[in-house]
Amino acid sequence: MNIFGFLFNTNSGDSMNLRDVMSKKVVCCRDCDDIIFVSKVMKENDIGFVPIVSDKRVVGVITDRDIVVRGVSNGDFGGNVSNYMTRGVFSVPVNGTIRDVVDVMSSNKVKRVIVEDKKKIVGVVSISDLFNCFFDQELFSAIKCIWSIGPNVCKFDTDIDDFYL
């Protein structure tokens, strides 16, 4: 069995289907919604990723991190979600493979990929969905690529004694 053997096959040897891995309940918001409303939707549904739609088409996605980095950190607590969303949307077809998802995630440094069927959203695959199904060296390599960081540069010089548990 090659390096992808476990990642792309079930224990019985059958090819794993995206429908078996993806989250099927996808919560969307509209591009005219404000960031506070979207934040509440995220909280109520315990999610950190929301596709943004306009006229039944996905025009972007927003994450909880986008809200903090692009909104709250700039002192904006109520702007329109379209000001903070990422317009580049990455998707794979429902008849695609787990490898397609991992390739999209690692090449674009994203943690979630929309699953579509004839341009309609049918699910989302996240890193956690992949963790819940399997874990192998190929997935680990993709995760390292997605979360690659620069050198650890401390912007605040402190003594370790300044912090207590």
N, C-alpha and C. Protein backbone atom coordinates (compact mmCIF):
# COMPACT_ATOMS: atom_id res chain seq x y z
N MET A 1 0.85 -1.18 0.00
CA MET A 1 0.00 0.00 0.00
C MET A 1 0.89 1.24 0.00
N ASN A 2 0.61 2.20 -0.90
CA ASN A 2 1.43 3.40 -0.96
C ASN A 2 1.12 4.33 0.21
N ILE A 3 1.80 5.48 0.24
CA ILE A 3 1.64 6.40 1.37
C ILE A 3 0.21 6.90 1.51
N PHE A 4 -0.54 6.95 0.39
CA PHE A 4 -1.92 7.40 0.44
C PHE A 4 -2.88 6.25 0.73
N GLY A 5 -2.40 5.03 0.84
CA GLY A 5 -3.27 3.88 0.99
C GLY A 5 -4.28 4.00 2.11
N PHE A 6 -3.81 4.33 3.30
CA PHE A 6 -4.73 4.43 4.43
C PHE A 6 -5.59 5.68 4.32
N LEU A 7 -4.98 6.77 3.85
CA LEU A 7 -5.68 8.04 3.77
C LEU A 7 -6.88 7.98 2.84
N PHE A 8 -6.78 7.22 1.78
CA PHE A 8 -7.83 7.25 0.77
C PHE A 8 -8.65 5.97 0.70
N ASN A 9 -8.46 5.07 1.63
CA ASN A 9 -9.22 3.83 1.64
C ASN A 9 -9.75 3.55 3.04
N THR A 10 -10.86 2.88 3.09
CA THR A 10 -11.42 2.47 4.37
C THR A 10 -10.72 1.18 4.79
N ASN A 11 -11.04 0.69 5.96
CA ASN A 11 -10.43 -0.54 6.44
C ASN A 11 -10.72 -1.72 5.53
N SER A 12 -11.87 -1.68 4.86
CA SER A 12 -12.22 -2.80 3.98
C SER A 12 -11.55 -2.68 2.62
N GLY A 13 -10.83 -1.57 2.38
CA GLY A 13 -10.13 -1.40 1.12
C GLY A 13 -10.92 -0.59 0.10
N ASP A 14 -12.17 -0.26 0.42
CA ASP A 14 -12.96 0.55 -0.51
C ASP A 14 -12.47 1.99 -0.47
N SER A 15 -12.59 2.66 -1.57
CA SER A 15 -12.20 4.06 -1.65
C SER A 15 -13.13 4.91 -0.78
N MET A 16 -12.55 5.81 0.02
CA MET A 16 -13.35 6.64 0.90
C MET A 16 -13.98 7.78 0.09
N ASN A 17 -15.24 8.04 0.32
CA ASN A 17 -16.02 9.02 -0.39
C ASN A 17 -16.01 10.34 0.38
N LEU A 18 -15.99 11.48 -0.33
CA LEU A 18 -16.03 12.77 0.35
C LEU A 18 -17.28 12.92 1.21
N ARG A 19 -18.39 12.34 0.78
CA ARG A 19 -19.62 12.43 1.55
C ARG A 19 -19.47 11.78 2.93
N ASP A 20 -18.54 10.83 3.06
CA ASP A 20 -18.30 10.16 4.33
C ASP A 20 -17.48 11.04 5.29
N VAL A 21 -16.80 12.03 4.75
CA VAL A 21 -15.87 12.84 5.54
C VAL A 21 -16.41 14.24 5.82
N MET A 22 -17.10 14.81 4.86
CA MET A 22 -17.49 16.22 4.94
C MET A 22 -18.58 16.48 5.98
N SER A 23 -18.61 17.72 6.44
CA SER A 23 -19.72 18.19 7.27
C SER A 23 -20.83 18.59 6.31
N LYS A 24 -22.00 18.02 6.51
CA LYS A 24 -23.09 18.25 5.56
C LYS A 24 -23.93 19.47 5.93
N LYS A 25 -23.93 19.85 7.19
CA LYS A 25 -24.70 21.02 7.61
C LYS A 25 -23.83 22.26 7.38
N VAL A 26 -24.18 23.01 6.35
CA VAL A 26 -23.41 24.21 6.03
C VAL A 26 -24.28 25.43 6.34
N VAL A 27 -23.79 26.28 7.21
CA VAL A 27 -24.48 27.50 7.57
C VAL A 27 -23.88 28.63 6.75
N CYS A 28 -24.73 29.35 6.03
CA CYS A 28 -24.28 30.47 5.20
C CYS A 28 -24.87 31.77 5.70
N CYS A 29 -24.22 32.87 5.37
CA CYS A 29 -24.74 34.21 5.64
C CYS A 29 -24.72 35.00 4.33
N ARG A 30 -25.42 36.11 4.33
CA ARG A 30 -25.51 36.94 3.14
C ARG A 30 -24.44 38.03 3.16
N ASP A 31 -24.05 38.48 1.99
CA ASP A 31 -23.03 39.52 1.90
C ASP A 31 -23.48 40.86 2.47
N CYS A 32 -24.77 41.02 2.71
CA CYS A 32 -25.28 42.27 3.30
C CYS A 32 -25.37 42.20 4.82
N ASP A 33 -25.09 41.04 5.41
CA ASP A 33 -25.14 40.90 6.87
C ASP A 33 -23.97 41.64 7.51
N ASP A 34 -24.19 42.11 8.73
CA ASP A 34 -23.07 42.77 9.42
C ASP A 34 -22.27 41.75 10.21
N ILE A 35 -21.09 42.16 10.58
CA ILE A 35 -20.13 41.27 11.22
C ILE A 35 -20.62 40.77 12.58
N ILE A 36 -21.40 41.56 13.28
CA ILE A 36 -21.94 41.13 14.57
C ILE A 36 -22.93 40.00 14.37
N PHE A 37 -23.80 40.12 13.37
CA PHE A 37 -24.76 39.06 13.07
C PHE A 37 -24.03 37.77 12.71
N VAL A 38 -23.01 37.85 11.87
CA VAL A 38 -22.26 36.67 11.46
C VAL A 38 -21.56 36.04 12.67
N SER A 39 -21.02 36.88 13.56
CA SER A 39 -20.38 36.38 14.78
C SER A 39 -21.37 35.61 15.64
N LYS A 40 -22.59 36.11 15.75
CA LYS A 40 -23.62 35.43 16.54
C LYS A 40 -24.01 34.11 15.89
N VAL A 41 -24.08 34.08 14.57
CA VAL A 41 -24.38 32.83 13.85
C VAL A 41 -23.28 31.80 14.14
N MET A 42 -22.03 32.25 14.12
CA MET A 42 -20.92 31.35 14.42
C MET A 42 -21.04 30.80 15.84
N LYS A 43 -21.33 31.68 16.78
CA LYS A 43 -21.44 31.26 18.18
C LYS A 43 -22.59 30.27 18.36
N GLU A 44 -23.76 30.58 17.82
CA GLU A 44 -24.95 29.72 17.98
C GLU A 44 -24.75 28.34 17.36
N ASN A 45 -23.96 28.27 16.30
CA ASN A 45 -23.76 27.00 15.60
C ASN A 45 -22.42 26.35 15.93
N ASP A 46 -21.64 26.97 16.82
CA ASP A 46 -20.32 26.46 17.22
C ASP A 46 -19.45 26.18 16.01
N ILE A 47 -19.33 27.19 15.14
CA ILE A 47 -18.52 27.07 13.92
C ILE A 47 -17.59 28.27 13.82
N GLY A 48 -16.56 28.15 13.02
CA GLY A 48 -15.62 29.25 12.83
C GLY A 48 -15.44 29.60 11.37
N PHE A 49 -16.33 29.11 10.51
CA PHE A 49 -16.21 29.30 9.06
C PHE A 49 -17.61 29.40 8.47
N VAL A 50 -17.85 30.46 7.70
CA VAL A 50 -19.16 30.65 7.09
C VAL A 50 -18.99 31.09 5.64
N PRO A 51 -19.57 30.35 4.70
CA PRO A 51 -19.61 30.84 3.32
C PRO A 51 -20.56 32.04 3.24
N ILE A 52 -20.19 33.01 2.44
CA ILE A 52 -21.00 34.22 2.26
C ILE A 52 -21.62 34.17 0.86
N VAL A 53 -22.94 34.36 0.81
CA VAL A 53 -23.66 34.23 -0.47
C VAL A 53 -24.33 35.54 -0.88
N SER A 54 -24.49 35.66 -2.18
CA SER A 54 -25.23 36.76 -2.77
C SER A 54 -25.95 36.20 -3.99
N ASP A 55 -27.25 36.39 -4.07
CA ASP A 55 -28.05 35.85 -5.19
C ASP A 55 -27.79 34.36 -5.39
N LYS A 56 -27.77 33.62 -4.29
CA LYS A 56 -27.58 32.16 -4.29
C LYS A 56 -26.23 31.71 -4.83
N ARG A 57 -25.26 32.61 -4.87
CA ARG A 57 -23.91 32.26 -5.29
C ARG A 57 -22.94 32.57 -4.16
N VAL A 58 -21.97 31.70 -3.95
CA VAL A 58 -20.95 31.94 -2.93
C VAL A 58 -20.00 33.01 -3.47
N VAL A 59 -19.88 34.09 -2.73
CA VAL A 59 -19.01 35.19 -3.15
C VAL A 59 -17.78 35.32 -2.26
N GLY A 60 -17.74 34.54 -1.18
CA GLY A 60 -16.60 34.58 -0.28
C GLY A 60 -16.83 33.70 0.92
N VAL A 61 -15.87 33.71 1.81
CA VAL A 61 -15.98 32.99 3.08
C VAL A 61 -15.41 33.89 4.17
N ILE A 62 -15.87 33.67 5.38
CA ILE A 62 -15.31 34.41 6.51
C ILE A 62 -15.08 33.43 7.66
N THR A 63 -13.99 33.66 8.38
CA THR A 63 -13.67 32.83 9.53
C THR A 63 -13.70 33.70 10.79
N ASP A 64 -13.72 33.03 11.92
CA ASP A 64 -13.67 33.78 13.18
C ASP A 64 -12.37 34.59 13.25
N ARG A 65 -11.31 34.05 12.70
CA ARG A 65 -10.03 34.76 12.69
C ARG A 65 -10.11 36.01 11.81
N ASP A 66 -10.79 35.93 10.67
CA ASP A 66 -10.98 37.11 9.81
C ASP A 66 -11.67 38.22 10.58
N ILE A 67 -12.67 37.86 11.36
CA ILE A 67 -13.42 38.86 12.12
C ILE A 67 -12.51 39.57 13.12
N VAL A 68 -11.65 38.80 13.78
CA VAL A 68 -10.74 39.39 14.77
C VAL A 68 -9.65 40.21 14.09
N VAL A 69 -8.99 39.63 13.10
CA VAL A 69 -7.83 40.29 12.48
C VAL A 69 -8.24 41.47 11.60
N ARG A 70 -9.30 41.30 10.82
CA ARG A 70 -9.69 42.35 9.88
C ARG A 70 -10.71 43.34 10.46
N GLY A 71 -11.39 42.95 11.53
CA GLY A 71 -12.42 43.82 12.10
C GLY A 71 -12.08 44.33 13.47
N VAL A 72 -12.15 43.46 14.45
CA VAL A 72 -11.99 43.86 15.85
C VAL A 72 -10.64 44.54 16.09
N SER A 73 -9.57 43.99 15.53
CA SER A 73 -8.24 44.58 15.77
C SER A 73 -8.12 45.98 15.18
N ASN A 74 -9.00 46.33 14.25
CA ASN A 74 -9.00 47.67 13.66
C ASN A 74 -10.06 48.57 14.29
N GLY A 75 -10.68 48.09 15.38
CA GLY A 75 -11.68 48.88 16.07
C GLY A 75 -13.03 48.90 15.39
N ASP A 76 -13.23 48.02 14.42
CA ASP A 76 -14.50 47.96 13.69
C ASP A 76 -15.32 46.81 14.23
N PHE A 77 -16.42 47.11 14.87
CA PHE A 77 -17.22 46.08 15.51
C PHE A 77 -18.58 45.86 14.85
N GLY A 78 -18.86 46.53 13.75
CA GLY A 78 -20.19 46.39 13.18
C GLY A 78 -20.28 46.59 11.69
N GLY A 79 -19.17 46.49 11.00
CA GLY A 79 -19.19 46.70 9.56
C GLY A 79 -19.82 45.55 8.79
N ASN A 80 -20.04 45.78 7.53
CA ASN A 80 -20.60 44.77 6.64
C ASN A 80 -19.62 43.63 6.44
N VAL A 81 -20.11 42.41 6.45
CA VAL A 81 -19.25 41.23 6.35
C VAL A 81 -18.43 41.22 5.05
N SER A 82 -18.94 41.83 4.01
CA SER A 82 -18.21 41.83 2.74
C SER A 82 -16.89 42.59 2.83
N ASN A 83 -16.76 43.45 3.85
CA ASN A 83 -15.51 44.17 4.05
C ASN A 83 -14.41 43.29 4.65
N TYR A 84 -14.77 42.15 5.21
CA TYR A 84 -13.82 41.32 5.95
C TYR A 84 -13.64 39.93 5.37
N MET A 85 -14.54 39.53 4.50
CA MET A 85 -14.51 38.16 3.98
C MET A 85 -13.35 37.97 3.00
N THR A 86 -12.98 36.72 2.81
CA THR A 86 -12.02 36.34 1.80
C THR A 86 -12.80 36.01 0.54
N ARG A 87 -12.44 36.65 -0.53
CA ARG A 87 -13.19 36.45 -1.77
C ARG A 87 -12.76 35.21 -2.54
N GLY A 88 -11.58 34.74 -2.32
CA GLY A 88 -11.13 33.52 -2.98
C GLY A 88 -11.75 32.30 -2.30
N VAL A 89 -12.54 31.54 -3.04
CA VAL A 89 -13.22 30.38 -2.47
C VAL A 89 -12.62 29.13 -3.09
N PHE A 90 -12.22 28.19 -2.26
CA PHE A 90 -11.65 26.94 -2.74
C PHE A 90 -12.66 25.83 -2.58
N SER A 91 -12.86 25.08 -3.65
CA SER A 91 -13.84 24.00 -3.59
C SER A 91 -13.32 22.79 -4.34
N VAL A 92 -13.93 21.66 -4.05
CA VAL A 92 -13.69 20.41 -4.77
C VAL A 92 -15.04 19.83 -5.12
N PRO A 93 -15.11 19.10 -6.22
CA PRO A 93 -16.38 18.47 -6.58
C PRO A 93 -16.68 17.31 -5.64
N VAL A 94 -17.95 17.04 -5.43
CA VAL A 94 -18.37 15.98 -4.52
C VAL A 94 -17.83 14.62 -4.95
N ASN A 95 -17.57 14.44 -6.23
CA ASN A 95 -17.01 13.18 -6.69
C ASN A 95 -15.48 13.20 -6.71
N GLY A 96 -14.90 14.26 -6.12
CA GLY A 96 -13.45 14.34 -5.98
C GLY A 96 -12.96 13.38 -4.91
N THR A 97 -11.68 13.45 -4.65
CA THR A 97 -11.07 12.53 -3.69
C THR A 97 -10.57 13.28 -2.46
N ILE A 98 -10.26 12.53 -1.44
CA ILE A 98 -9.65 13.10 -0.24
C ILE A 98 -8.32 13.73 -0.62
N ARG A 99 -7.62 13.09 -1.53
CA ARG A 99 -6.34 13.65 -1.99
C ARG A 99 -6.55 15.03 -2.61
N ASP A 100 -7.62 15.21 -3.38
CA ASP A 100 -7.92 16.52 -3.95
C ASP A 100 -8.07 17.56 -2.85
N VAL A 101 -8.77 17.20 -1.78
CA VAL A 101 -8.97 18.11 -0.66
C VAL A 101 -7.64 18.47 -0.01
N VAL A 102 -6.83 17.45 0.29
CA VAL A 102 -5.54 17.69 0.92
C VAL A 102 -4.65 18.54 0.02
N ASP A 103 -4.67 18.29 -1.29
CA ASP A 103 -3.87 19.09 -2.22
C ASP A 103 -4.31 20.55 -2.22
N VAL A 104 -5.63 20.78 -2.25
CA VAL A 104 -6.15 22.16 -2.23
C VAL A 104 -5.77 22.85 -0.93
N MET A 105 -5.92 22.14 0.19
CA MET A 105 -5.58 22.72 1.49
C MET A 105 -4.10 23.09 1.56
N SER A 106 -3.24 22.18 1.18
CA SER A 106 -1.80 22.43 1.34
C SER A 106 -1.29 23.46 0.33
N SER A 107 -1.78 23.44 -0.90
CA SER A 107 -1.27 24.39 -1.89
C SER A 107 -1.79 25.81 -1.66
N ASN A 108 -2.94 25.95 -1.01
CA ASN A 108 -3.52 27.27 -0.77
C ASN A 108 -3.47 27.71 0.69
N LYS A 109 -2.91 26.85 1.55
CA LYS A 109 -2.80 27.13 2.98
C LYS A 109 -4.15 27.48 3.60
N VAL A 110 -5.14 26.64 3.33
CA VAL A 110 -6.47 26.81 3.91
C VAL A 110 -6.82 25.58 4.73
N LYS A 111 -7.68 25.76 5.71
CA LYS A 111 -8.05 24.67 6.61
C LYS A 111 -9.42 24.11 6.32
N ARG A 112 -10.14 24.74 5.40
CA ARG A 112 -11.48 24.27 5.04
C ARG A 112 -11.68 24.42 3.54
N VAL A 113 -12.37 23.45 2.96
CA VAL A 113 -12.64 23.45 1.53
C VAL A 113 -14.12 23.14 1.33
N ILE A 114 -14.77 23.92 0.48
CA ILE A 114 -16.18 23.70 0.17
C ILE A 114 -16.30 22.53 -0.79
N VAL A 115 -17.29 21.68 -0.55
CA VAL A 115 -17.59 20.57 -1.45
C VAL A 115 -18.83 20.98 -2.24
N GLU A 116 -18.73 20.89 -3.57
CA GLU A 116 -19.83 21.33 -4.41
C GLU A 116 -20.28 20.23 -5.36
N ASP A 117 -21.54 20.32 -5.73
CA ASP A 117 -22.13 19.42 -6.72
C ASP A 117 -22.88 20.29 -7.71
N LYS A 118 -22.37 20.39 -8.91
CA LYS A 118 -22.96 21.23 -9.96
C LYS A 118 -23.09 22.68 -9.48
N LYS A 119 -22.00 23.18 -8.89
CA LYS A 119 -21.90 24.56 -8.40
C LYS A 119 -22.75 24.84 -7.16
N LYS A 120 -23.38 23.82 -6.58
CA LYS A 120 -24.17 23.99 -5.36
C LYS A 120 -23.38 23.44 -4.18
N ILE A 121 -23.36 24.18 -3.06
CA ILE A 121 -22.65 23.71 -1.86
C ILE A 121 -23.39 22.51 -1.28
N VAL A 122 -22.65 21.42 -1.07
CA VAL A 122 -23.24 20.25 -0.43
C VAL A 122 -22.52 19.89 0.87
N GLY A 123 -21.41 20.57 1.14
CA GLY A 123 -20.68 20.28 2.37
C GLY A 123 -19.40 21.07 2.47
N VAL A 124 -18.72 20.87 3.58
CA VAL A 124 -17.42 21.48 3.83
C VAL A 124 -16.53 20.41 4.45
N VAL A 125 -15.29 20.34 3.99
CA VAL A 125 -14.31 19.44 4.60
C VAL A 125 -13.29 20.31 5.31
N SER A 126 -13.08 20.04 6.58
CA SER A 126 -12.10 20.79 7.36
C SER A 126 -10.99 19.84 7.82
N ILE A 127 -9.93 20.45 8.31
CA ILE A 127 -8.83 19.65 8.86
C ILE A 127 -9.38 18.74 9.96
N SER A 128 -10.29 19.25 10.80
CA SER A 128 -10.82 18.40 11.87
C SER A 128 -11.60 17.23 11.33
N ASP A 129 -12.32 17.41 10.22
CA ASP A 129 -13.03 16.29 9.60
C ASP A 129 -12.02 15.20 9.20
N LEU A 130 -10.89 15.63 8.65
CA LEU A 130 -9.87 14.66 8.25
C LEU A 130 -9.27 13.97 9.47
N PHE A 131 -9.02 14.74 10.55
CA PHE A 131 -8.50 14.16 11.79
C PHE A 131 -9.44 13.10 12.34
N ASN A 132 -10.74 13.37 12.26
CA ASN A 132 -11.71 12.43 12.81
C ASN A 132 -11.79 11.13 12.04
N CYS A 133 -11.33 11.12 10.81
CA CYS A 133 -11.41 9.90 9.98
C CYS A 133 -10.10 9.13 9.94
N PHE A 134 -9.00 9.85 9.88
CA PHE A 134 -7.71 9.18 9.72
C PHE A 134 -6.59 10.17 9.97
N PHE A 135 -5.40 9.65 10.09
CA PHE A 135 -4.23 10.49 10.22
C PHE A 135 -3.03 9.69 9.74
N ASP A 136 -2.29 10.24 8.81
CA ASP A 136 -1.08 9.59 8.35
C ASP A 136 -0.04 10.64 7.97
N GLN A 137 1.09 10.20 7.48
CA GLN A 137 2.20 11.10 7.19
C GLN A 137 1.84 12.13 6.13
N GLU A 138 1.07 11.76 5.12
CA GLU A 138 0.70 12.70 4.07
C GLU A 138 -0.16 13.83 4.62
N LEU A 139 -1.12 13.50 5.46
CA LEU A 139 -1.95 14.52 6.08
C LEU A 139 -1.10 15.40 7.00
N PHE A 140 -0.19 14.78 7.73
CA PHE A 140 0.70 15.54 8.60
C PHE A 140 1.53 16.53 7.80
N SER A 141 2.05 16.12 6.65
CA SER A 141 2.84 17.01 5.79
C SER A 141 1.99 18.18 5.29
N ALA A 142 0.76 17.89 4.91
CA ALA A 142 -0.15 18.95 4.44
C ALA A 142 -0.42 19.95 5.56
N ILE A 143 -0.62 19.45 6.77
CA ILE A 143 -0.89 20.32 7.91
C ILE A 143 0.32 21.20 8.19
N LYS A 144 1.51 20.64 8.12
CA LYS A 144 2.72 21.42 8.33
C LYS A 144 2.81 22.54 7.30
N CYS A 145 2.43 22.26 6.06
CA CYS A 145 2.46 23.27 5.01
C CYS A 145 1.43 24.36 5.27
N ILE A 146 0.23 23.98 5.66
CA ILE A 146 -0.83 24.94 5.92
C ILE A 146 -0.46 25.88 7.07
N TRP A 147 0.09 25.33 8.13
CA TRP A 147 0.40 26.11 9.31
C TRP A 147 1.86 26.53 9.41
N SER A 148 2.55 26.58 8.27
CA SER A 148 3.94 26.98 8.34
C SER A 148 4.03 28.41 8.84
N ILE A 149 4.98 28.65 9.69
CA ILE A 149 5.13 29.98 10.28
C ILE A 149 6.56 30.44 10.10
N GLY A 150 6.73 31.72 10.24
CA GLY A 150 8.06 32.29 10.16
C GLY A 150 8.80 32.09 11.47
N PRO A 151 9.95 32.71 11.57
CA PRO A 151 10.73 32.57 12.81
C PRO A 151 9.97 33.16 13.99
N ASN A 152 10.18 32.57 15.15
CA ASN A 152 9.53 33.01 16.37
C ASN A 152 10.27 34.24 16.89
N VAL A 153 9.74 35.40 16.56
CA VAL A 153 10.37 36.64 16.98
C VAL A 153 9.52 37.26 18.08
N CYS A 154 10.12 37.40 19.23
CA CYS A 154 9.40 37.96 20.37
C CYS A 154 9.42 39.48 20.28
N LYS A 155 8.24 40.08 20.25
CA LYS A 155 8.15 41.53 20.16
C LYS A 155 8.17 42.19 21.52
N PHE A 156 8.00 41.39 22.56
CA PHE A 156 7.97 41.93 23.91
C PHE A 156 9.03 41.21 24.73
N ASP A 157 10.02 41.95 25.16
CA ASP A 157 11.05 41.35 25.99
C ASP A 157 10.55 41.29 27.42
N THR A 158 10.38 40.08 27.93
CA THR A 158 9.94 39.91 29.30
C THR A 158 10.78 38.83 29.95
N ASP A 159 10.80 38.88 31.24
CA ASP A 159 11.42 37.79 31.99
C ASP A 159 10.36 36.76 32.26
N ILE A 160 10.73 35.53 32.23
CA ILE A 160 9.77 34.45 32.48
C ILE A 160 9.17 34.58 33.87
N ASP A 161 9.89 35.22 34.78
CA ASP A 161 9.38 35.39 36.15
C ASP A 161 8.19 36.33 36.22
N ASP A 162 7.90 37.06 35.14
CA ASP A 162 6.77 38.00 35.14
C ASP A 162 5.42 37.29 35.04
N PHE A 163 5.44 36.02 34.72
CA PHE A 163 4.19 35.31 34.50
C PHE A 163 4.07 34.15 35.48
N TYR A 164 2.88 34.03 36.08
CA TYR A 164 2.66 33.01 37.09
C TYR A 164 1.43 32.18 36.75
N LEU A 165 1.44 30.95 37.16
CA LEU A 165 0.27 30.09 36.99
C LEU A 165 -0.51 30.03 38.27
